[in-house]
Amino acid sequence: MALLVFISTLSFTVESHYCGDVIVDSSLFGSVKSCGMDLSQAKSSKDSFKGKTCCNNEQIFINGQNELSVSFDSLTNNQQLFVASFVYTYTNLFEGLENKVSSFTEYPPPLIVKSIYKLDETYLI
């Protein structure tokens, strides 16, 4: 449940650098690397065409939920039934096992003094 709340409130930005129609680099946490074409075209753009480059950067911003409002005041009957049955089964899930008393703890088995299979000369073949 905590993981679901964390993922729903997470916001991040995906940056991509395109050179023409080909994607050169994509980044989730940092800045993207340039292909170097935009710098050379910026120097030569003074003479030929102004401001037109084949490279562009694209940013996609994914916004998470900003406010969490959980209200338990307006639960329907079906939701109340679900919550009650979930809590009941969850608490009974971890019940301990009954301690069964074993009578063998007070009376240990006798010690073996002779090998019975040698005494009776019975062997498994």
Protein backbone atom coordinates (compact mmCIF):
# COMPACT_ATOMS: atom_id res chain seq x y z
CA MET A 1 0.00 0.00 0.00
CA ALA A 2 2.85 2.38 0.81
CA LEU A 3 4.49 1.57 -2.53
CA LEU A 4 1.26 2.44 -4.36
CA VAL A 5 1.05 5.80 -2.55
CA PHE A 6 4.72 6.50 -3.31
CA ILE A 7 4.37 5.74 -7.03
CA SER A 8 1.19 7.81 -7.39
CA THR A 9 2.87 10.91 -5.90
CA LEU A 10 6.12 10.59 -7.89
CA SER A 11 6.93 13.28 -10.47
CA PHE A 12 9.76 13.10 -12.99
CA THR A 13 11.04 14.56 -16.26
CA VAL A 14 12.27 12.67 -19.31
CA GLU A 15 14.64 14.63 -21.54
CA SER A 16 15.53 13.56 -25.09
CA HIS A 17 17.94 14.99 -27.67
CA TYR A 18 17.09 14.49 -31.33
CA CYS A 19 19.44 15.08 -34.24
CA GLY A 20 17.09 15.23 -37.20
CA ASP A 21 14.65 12.37 -36.69
CA VAL A 22 17.12 10.15 -34.82
CA ILE A 23 17.20 10.10 -31.02
CA VAL A 24 20.74 10.61 -29.77
CA ASP A 25 20.33 10.55 -26.00
CA SER A 26 17.59 10.18 -23.43
CA SER A 27 17.85 10.87 -19.72
CA LEU A 28 15.60 10.45 -16.73
CA PHE A 29 17.66 12.03 -13.93
CA GLY A 30 20.28 14.26 -15.57
CA SER A 31 20.79 16.42 -18.60
CA VAL A 32 21.11 14.87 -22.04
CA LYS A 33 24.34 14.74 -24.04
CA SER A 34 24.47 16.72 -27.21
CA CYS A 35 25.58 15.24 -30.53
CA GLY A 36 27.83 18.23 -31.27
CA MET A 37 25.98 19.25 -34.41
CA ASP A 38 24.16 22.14 -32.76
CA LEU A 39 27.43 23.89 -31.78
CA SER A 40 28.90 23.72 -35.27
CA GLN A 41 25.67 24.95 -36.81
CA ALA A 42 25.42 27.78 -34.30
CA LYS A 43 28.83 29.07 -35.47
CA SER A 44 27.97 28.78 -39.16
CA SER A 45 24.44 30.12 -38.73
CA LYS A 46 25.70 33.71 -38.81
CA ASP A 47 26.41 33.47 -42.49
CA SER A 48 23.80 31.15 -43.99
CA PHE A 49 20.43 30.50 -42.43
CA LYS A 50 19.67 31.98 -39.03
CA GLY A 51 18.39 29.91 -36.12
CA LYS A 52 17.58 26.73 -38.04
CA THR A 53 19.29 23.64 -36.69
CA CYS A 54 18.63 19.98 -37.24
CA CYS A 55 18.90 19.27 -33.50
CA ASN A 56 16.21 19.77 -30.88
CA ASN A 57 15.63 18.90 -27.25
CA GLU A 58 12.35 17.54 -25.99
CA GLN A 59 11.18 17.42 -22.38
CA ILE A 60 8.28 15.34 -21.12
CA PHE A 61 7.16 16.24 -17.60
CA ILE A 62 5.06 13.65 -15.77
CA ASN A 63 3.31 15.22 -12.80
CA GLY A 64 2.29 13.07 -9.83
CA GLN A 65 -0.54 13.61 -7.42
CA ASN A 66 0.09 16.57 -5.12
CA GLU A 67 -2.54 16.08 -2.45
CA LEU A 68 -3.74 12.92 -0.80
CA SER A 69 -7.15 13.06 0.76
CA VAL A 70 -8.30 9.87 2.38
CA SER A 71 -11.66 10.04 4.07
CA PHE A 72 -13.00 7.11 6.03
CA ASP A 73 -16.18 8.96 6.95
CA SER A 74 -18.08 8.15 3.78
CA LEU A 75 -17.55 4.41 3.31
CA THR A 76 -20.33 2.49 1.65
CA ASN A 77 -21.68 -0.71 3.16
CA ASN A 78 -19.71 -2.85 0.72
CA GLN A 79 -16.49 -1.02 1.58
CA GLN A 80 -17.15 -1.38 5.31
CA LEU A 81 -17.78 -5.11 4.84
CA PHE A 82 -14.53 -5.46 2.89
CA VAL A 83 -12.47 -3.58 5.49
CA ALA A 84 -13.96 -5.58 8.36
CA SER A 85 -13.37 -8.94 6.65
CA PHE A 86 -9.83 -7.93 5.64
CA VAL A 87 -8.89 -6.90 9.18
CA TYR A 88 -10.41 -10.09 10.62
CA THR A 89 -8.58 -12.41 8.22
CA TYR A 90 -5.31 -10.51 8.54
CA THR A 91 -5.29 -10.72 12.34
CA ASN A 92 -6.20 -14.41 12.29
CA LEU A 93 -3.55 -15.15 9.68
CA PHE A 94 -0.73 -14.83 12.19
CA GLU A 95 -2.17 -16.84 15.06
CA GLY A 96 0.39 -19.04 16.73
CA LEU A 97 0.17 -22.80 16.72
CA GLU A 98 -1.03 -24.50 19.85
CA ASN A 99 1.70 -25.95 22.02
CA LYS A 100 1.10 -29.67 22.02
CA VAL A 101 2.59 -31.46 24.98
CA SER A 102 4.72 -34.42 24.06
CA SER A 103 5.21 -37.19 26.61
CA PHE A 104 8.51 -38.20 25.02
CA THR A 105 10.36 -35.26 26.50
CA GLU A 106 10.10 -36.70 30.00
CA TYR A 107 10.87 -40.29 28.99
CA PRO A 108 13.86 -40.52 26.66
CA PRO A 109 14.32 -43.72 24.60
CA PRO A 110 16.73 -46.35 25.95
CA LEU A 111 20.34 -46.36 24.86
CA ILE A 112 21.39 -48.92 22.23
CA VAL A 113 24.00 -51.28 23.66
CA LYS A 114 24.02 -54.01 20.97
CA SER A 115 23.41 -54.03 17.25
CA ILE A 116 20.15 -55.95 16.99
CA TYR A 117 20.53 -56.80 13.29
CA LYS A 118 23.91 -58.45 14.03
CA LEU A 119 22.49 -60.27 17.02
CA ASP A 120 19.61 -61.77 15.01
CA GLU A 121 21.74 -62.04 11.83
CA THR A 122 19.25 -60.26 9.64
CA TYR A 123 20.69 -58.19 6.80
CA LEU A 124 19.07 -56.25 3.99
CA ILE A 125 20.25 -57.36 0.58
